[in-house]
Structures are given as C-alpha cells and as structure tokens.
N, C-alpha and C. Protein backbone atom coordinates (compact mmCIF):
# COMPACT_ATOMS: atom_id res chain seq x y z
N GLN A 1 84.14 102.14 96.95
CA GLN A 1 84.70 102.94 98.15
C GLN A 1 85.91 102.40 98.79
N ALA A 2 85.46 101.04 99.40
CA ALA A 2 86.05 100.59 100.52
C ALA A 2 87.24 100.29 100.03
N THR A 3 87.60 99.90 98.71
CA THR A 3 88.92 99.25 98.29
C THR A 3 89.94 100.83 98.29
N LEU A 4 89.17 101.93 97.68
CA LEU A 4 89.82 102.96 97.53
C LEU A 4 90.27 103.40 99.17
N ALA A 5 89.50 103.63 99.86
CA ALA A 5 89.96 103.76 101.46
C ALA A 5 91.01 102.82 101.80
N ARG A 6 90.99 101.75 101.52
CA ARG A 6 92.07 100.74 101.84
C ARG A 6 92.50 99.75 100.85
N PRO A 7 93.41 100.14 100.30
CA PRO A 7 93.90 99.29 99.06
C PRO A 7 93.87 98.02 99.55
N ALA A 8 93.90 97.06 98.55
CA ALA A 8 94.46 95.62 99.16
C ALA A 8 95.83 95.59 98.75
N GLN A 9 96.62 96.43 97.98
CA GLN A 9 97.76 95.79 97.76
C GLN A 9 98.64 96.52 98.64
N PRO A 10 99.68 95.95 99.02
CA PRO A 10 100.65 96.80 100.20
C PRO A 10 101.61 97.77 99.71
N ASP A 11 101.65 98.14 98.56
CA ASP A 11 102.63 99.34 98.05
C ASP A 11 102.14 100.69 98.65
N PRO A 12 100.68 101.01 98.72
CA PRO A 12 100.70 102.28 99.42
C PRO A 12 101.13 102.38 100.83
N TYR A 13 101.19 101.24 101.35
CA TYR A 13 101.50 101.47 102.95
C TYR A 13 103.17 101.43 102.78
N LEU A 14 103.49 100.35 102.24
CA LEU A 14 105.01 100.50 102.37
C LEU A 14 105.70 101.76 101.80
N ASP A 15 105.07 102.30 100.68
CA ASP A 15 105.41 103.62 100.71
C ASP A 15 105.38 104.61 101.85
N LEU A 16 104.31 104.61 102.34
CA LEU A 16 103.80 105.72 103.28
C LEU A 16 105.01 105.47 104.80
N GLY A 17 105.13 104.09 104.86
CA GLY A 17 106.01 103.76 106.05
C GLY A 17 107.13 104.25 105.75
N ARG A 18 107.90 103.92 104.14
CA ARG A 18 109.14 104.52 103.99
C ARG A 18 109.21 105.85 104.11
N ILE A 19 108.33 106.86 103.60
CA ILE A 19 108.30 108.17 103.44
C ILE A 19 108.37 108.69 104.94
N THR A 20 107.29 107.70 105.75
CA THR A 20 107.40 108.64 107.27
C THR A 20 108.62 108.21 108.05
N LEU A 21 109.13 107.13 108.14
CA LEU A 21 110.45 106.63 108.58
C LEU A 21 111.32 107.65 108.23
N ALA A 22 111.41 108.24 107.09
CA ALA A 22 112.38 109.30 106.63
C ALA A 22 112.26 110.65 106.86
N GLN A 23 111.27 110.81 107.33
CA GLN A 23 110.49 112.01 108.07
C GLN A 23 110.80 111.79 109.33
N VAL A 24 110.96 110.69 110.07
CA VAL A 24 111.32 110.77 111.61
C VAL A 24 112.66 111.25 111.72
N ARG A 25 113.39 110.59 110.58
CA ARG A 25 114.89 110.39 110.66
C ARG A 25 115.34 111.75 110.83
N LYS A 26 114.40 112.65 109.80
CA LYS A 26 114.83 114.22 109.62
C LYS A 26 114.37 114.91 110.59
N GLY A 27 113.85 114.35 111.44
CA GLY A 27 112.97 115.57 112.67
C GLY A 27 112.26 116.21 112.47
N VAL A 28 111.38 115.55 111.10
CA VAL A 28 109.92 116.35 110.87
C VAL A 28 109.10 116.49 111.81
N THR A 29 108.30 117.56 112.37
CA THR A 29 107.59 117.95 113.14
C THR A 29 106.24 116.53 112.99
N GLY A 30 106.08 116.23 113.95
CA GLY A 30 104.65 115.80 113.62
C GLY A 30 104.74 114.03 113.18
N ALA A 31 105.94 113.63 112.76
CA ALA A 31 106.20 112.50 112.42
C ALA A 31 106.52 111.39 113.37
N SER A 32 106.18 110.22 113.57
CA SER A 32 106.34 109.29 114.44
C SER A 32 106.80 108.16 114.23
N PRO A 33 107.69 107.36 114.75
CA PRO A 33 108.18 105.97 114.47
C PRO A 33 106.66 105.04 114.50
N LEU A 34 105.80 105.49 115.20
CA LEU A 34 104.43 104.66 115.28
C LEU A 34 103.70 104.76 114.45
N GLN A 35 103.89 105.87 113.40
CA GLN A 35 102.76 105.85 112.04
C GLN A 35 103.86 105.04 111.20
N ALA A 36 105.26 105.23 111.34
CA ALA A 36 105.22 104.26 110.20
C ALA A 36 105.27 102.66 110.60
N ILE A 37 105.01 102.45 111.97
CA ILE A 37 104.96 101.08 112.34
C ILE A 37 103.69 100.74 111.60
N ALA A 38 102.54 101.23 111.85
CA ALA A 38 101.08 101.13 111.52
C ALA A 38 101.04 101.22 109.90
N ALA A 39 101.82 101.98 109.49
CA ALA A 39 101.77 101.54 107.73
C ALA A 39 102.50 100.58 107.13
N LEU A 40 103.60 100.16 107.81
CA LEU A 40 104.25 99.02 107.34
C LEU A 40 103.25 97.58 108.00
N ARG A 41 102.91 97.72 109.10
CA ARG A 41 101.92 96.58 109.42
C ARG A 41 101.10 96.04 108.64
N ALA A 42 100.29 97.51 107.93
CA ALA A 42 99.12 97.07 106.85
C ALA A 42 99.58 96.60 105.81
N ALA A 43 100.96 97.03 105.35
CA ALA A 43 101.54 96.43 104.13
C ALA A 43 101.74 94.77 104.63
N LEU A 44 102.10 94.37 105.26
CA LEU A 44 102.53 92.98 105.80
C LEU A 44 101.27 91.97 105.87
N GLU A 45 100.04 93.03 106.35
CA GLU A 45 98.79 92.32 106.23
C GLU A 45 98.55 91.72 105.20
N ARG A 46 98.84 92.70 104.28
CA ARG A 46 98.47 92.54 102.77
C ARG A 46 99.43 91.45 101.88
N ALA A 47 100.55 91.20 102.36
CA ALA A 47 101.92 90.74 101.88
C ALA A 47 102.93 90.51 102.97
N PRO A 48 102.53 89.35 103.75
CA PRO A 48 103.29 89.04 104.97
C PRO A 48 104.74 88.66 104.42
N ASN A 49 105.34 88.56 103.01
CA ASN A 49 106.69 87.99 103.14
C ASN A 49 107.45 89.27 102.50
N LEU A 50 107.05 90.21 102.71
CA LEU A 50 107.86 91.04 101.72
C LEU A 50 109.32 91.49 102.69
N PRO A 51 110.54 91.30 102.45
CA PRO A 51 111.51 91.25 103.25
C PRO A 51 111.70 93.01 103.42
N GLU A 52 111.94 93.93 102.27
CA GLU A 52 111.55 95.57 102.62
C GLU A 52 110.90 95.86 103.91
N ALA A 53 109.66 95.58 103.59
CA ALA A 53 108.34 96.13 104.46
C ALA A 53 109.32 95.32 106.22
N HIS A 54 109.80 94.01 106.25
CA HIS A 54 109.96 93.59 107.56
C HIS A 54 111.06 94.45 107.97
N GLY A 55 112.28 94.79 106.88
CA GLY A 55 113.47 95.48 107.36
C GLY A 55 113.06 96.64 107.75
N LEU A 56 112.29 97.66 106.92
CA LEU A 56 111.80 99.11 107.75
C LEU A 56 111.02 98.83 108.88
N LEU A 57 110.06 97.88 109.08
CA LEU A 57 109.50 97.69 110.45
C LEU A 57 110.47 97.86 111.36
N ALA A 58 111.50 97.07 111.05
CA ALA A 58 112.63 96.74 112.25
C ALA A 58 113.17 98.28 112.53
N GLN A 59 113.81 98.78 111.53
CA GLN A 59 113.93 100.31 112.07
C GLN A 59 112.99 101.13 112.37
N ALA A 60 111.84 101.12 112.06
CA ALA A 60 110.84 102.01 112.74
C ALA A 60 110.70 101.48 114.40
N GLN A 61 110.85 100.34 114.71
CA GLN A 61 110.59 99.90 116.07
C GLN A 61 111.64 99.86 116.90
N ALA A 62 112.92 99.96 116.37
CA ALA A 62 114.20 100.16 117.09
C ALA A 62 114.02 101.93 117.19
N LEU A 63 113.56 102.79 116.20
CA LEU A 63 113.56 104.00 116.23
C LEU A 63 112.44 104.33 117.67
N ALA A 64 111.44 103.55 117.83
CA ALA A 64 110.15 104.00 119.08
C ALA A 64 110.83 102.91 120.34
N GLY A 65 111.85 102.75 120.36
CA GLY A 65 112.76 102.26 121.59
C GLY A 65 112.09 100.96 121.88
N ASP A 66 111.96 100.09 120.92
CA ASP A 66 111.36 98.46 120.83
C ASP A 66 112.48 97.36 120.42
N PRO A 67 113.63 97.61 120.81
CA PRO A 67 114.82 96.66 120.07
C PRO A 67 114.45 95.30 120.18
N ALA A 68 113.58 94.44 120.92
CA ALA A 68 113.68 92.98 121.22
C ALA A 68 112.52 92.97 119.61
N SER A 69 111.53 93.86 119.66
CA SER A 69 110.84 93.59 118.33
C SER A 69 111.52 94.24 116.86
N ALA A 70 112.57 95.11 116.96
CA ALA A 70 113.04 95.41 116.03
C ALA A 70 113.78 94.07 115.65
N LEU A 71 114.77 93.22 116.34
CA LEU A 71 115.55 92.07 116.10
C LEU A 71 114.52 91.27 115.44
N ASP A 72 113.25 90.85 115.93
CA ASP A 72 112.57 89.94 115.55
C ASP A 72 112.17 90.03 114.04
N SER A 73 112.15 91.61 113.74
CA SER A 73 111.74 92.07 111.91
C SER A 73 112.88 91.61 111.46
N TYR A 74 114.13 92.29 111.88
CA TYR A 74 115.00 91.82 111.29
C TYR A 74 115.59 90.77 110.99
N GLN A 75 115.24 89.74 111.96
CA GLN A 75 115.48 88.54 111.87
C GLN A 75 114.62 87.54 110.38
N ARG A 76 113.65 87.89 110.44
CA ARG A 76 112.23 87.96 109.41
C ARG A 76 112.75 88.35 108.25
N ALA A 77 113.47 89.17 107.69
CA ALA A 77 113.73 90.25 107.02
C ALA A 77 115.14 89.44 105.90
N LEU A 78 115.97 88.84 107.29
CA LEU A 78 116.91 88.05 106.60
C LEU A 78 116.61 86.50 106.45
N HIS A 79 115.46 86.56 106.98
CA HIS A 79 115.18 84.67 106.63
C HIS A 79 114.27 85.03 104.89
N LEU A 80 114.00 85.94 105.20
CA LEU A 80 112.98 86.17 103.46
C LEU A 80 114.11 86.30 102.45
N ALA A 81 114.91 86.79 102.95
CA ALA A 81 115.58 87.52 101.51
C ALA A 81 117.53 87.11 102.15
N PRO A 82 117.76 86.01 102.27
CA PRO A 82 118.98 86.14 102.81
C PRO A 82 120.37 86.68 101.75
N THR A 83 119.95 86.82 100.60
CA THR A 83 121.11 87.40 99.74
C THR A 83 120.89 88.86 99.71
N ARG A 84 119.81 89.43 100.13
CA ARG A 84 119.66 90.70 99.59
C ARG A 84 119.93 91.54 100.97
N THR A 85 120.79 92.39 101.13
CA THR A 85 121.37 93.45 102.00
C THR A 85 121.65 92.64 103.07
N VAL A 86 122.12 91.54 103.38
CA VAL A 86 122.64 90.36 104.22
C VAL A 86 123.47 91.43 105.34
N ALA A 87 124.46 91.83 104.63
CA ALA A 87 125.47 92.69 105.38
C ALA A 87 124.78 93.46 106.49
N ALA A 88 124.19 94.44 105.86
CA ALA A 88 123.33 95.75 106.56
C ALA A 88 122.48 95.17 107.55
N LEU A 89 121.49 93.96 107.13
CA LEU A 89 120.46 93.39 108.19
C LEU A 89 121.41 92.75 109.05
N LYS A 90 122.30 92.16 109.18
CA LYS A 90 123.44 91.44 109.91
C LYS A 90 124.15 92.53 110.89
N ARG A 91 124.41 93.66 110.59
CA ARG A 91 125.05 94.60 110.96
C ARG A 91 123.97 95.14 111.98
N ASP A 92 122.95 95.80 111.81
CA ASP A 92 121.65 96.26 112.60
C ASP A 92 121.24 95.04 113.28
N ALA A 93 120.90 93.91 113.17
CA ALA A 93 120.46 92.86 113.94
C ALA A 93 121.46 92.97 115.04
N HIS A 94 122.75 92.65 114.77
CA HIS A 94 123.95 92.30 115.84
C HIS A 94 123.97 93.81 117.08
N MET A 95 123.69 94.95 116.39
CA MET A 95 123.47 96.40 117.16
C MET A 95 122.09 95.99 118.16
N LEU A 96 121.00 95.43 117.51
CA LEU A 96 119.92 95.27 117.95
C LEU A 96 120.20 94.25 119.55
N LYS A 97 120.81 93.23 119.02
CA LYS A 97 120.94 92.02 119.97
C LYS A 97 121.57 92.79 121.13
N GLU A 98 122.74 93.73 120.74
CA GLU A 98 123.67 94.01 122.35
C GLU A 98 122.50 94.99 123.11
N GLN A 99 121.58 95.95 122.48
CA GLN A 99 120.56 96.15 123.06
C GLN A 99 119.91 95.84 123.88
N VAL A 100 119.25 94.85 123.47
CA VAL A 100 118.57 93.77 124.07
C VAL A 100 119.22 92.93 125.34
N GLN A 101 120.28 92.52 125.48
CA GLN A 101 120.90 92.03 126.12
C GLN A 101 121.07 92.58 127.72
C-alpha cells in the first residue's frame, strides 16, 4: 500500500505538477504554484535528472515569486538537455536574471 500512496516513479508527480501549473495559469480557484512546486520536487526526488521537471519547477517558482530559485532550476534544465528547448529556456532564464538583479 505504501507504493500506491507514494509511487516510486516520477511520472505521477510530474503530471500533477504539469496540471497544477496549467491550472494556476488559468486562474483556477485553489490552484497554487506551491502545490506545483511540491509535486515537481517529489518527481525530482525520484528522478533528479529530468530536464522537463526542472523546467516546470522553474516556471512554478517564478509564478510563486522566487526568481532566484527559478533561475537555478532553468539553468539545471539547460545543463541536462542543452539541445532541447534551448531557445525557450534561455529566454526565460534571461528574463529571470533581469528580475534577480
């Protein structure tokens, strides 16, 4: 039962983070970037090298008002997947750098 309550695979947490982040962007009542952050961190505990999870975490952190952490997460995503969505990640990272400075 413990496996059912807390899956060992990152996918359910990644999906939950993705869905929650979409709800936050749409202004769904009760959706919080902090919920997305918790889900994405749970995914990363199970698979620390998921570039998508780091990218989504960065977006959630930015929405939560934490641009410094978001920048770190974007940079990690870039490091893990340098050829995947590089332009988008660099653009977002640049905007966050401006907010941090």
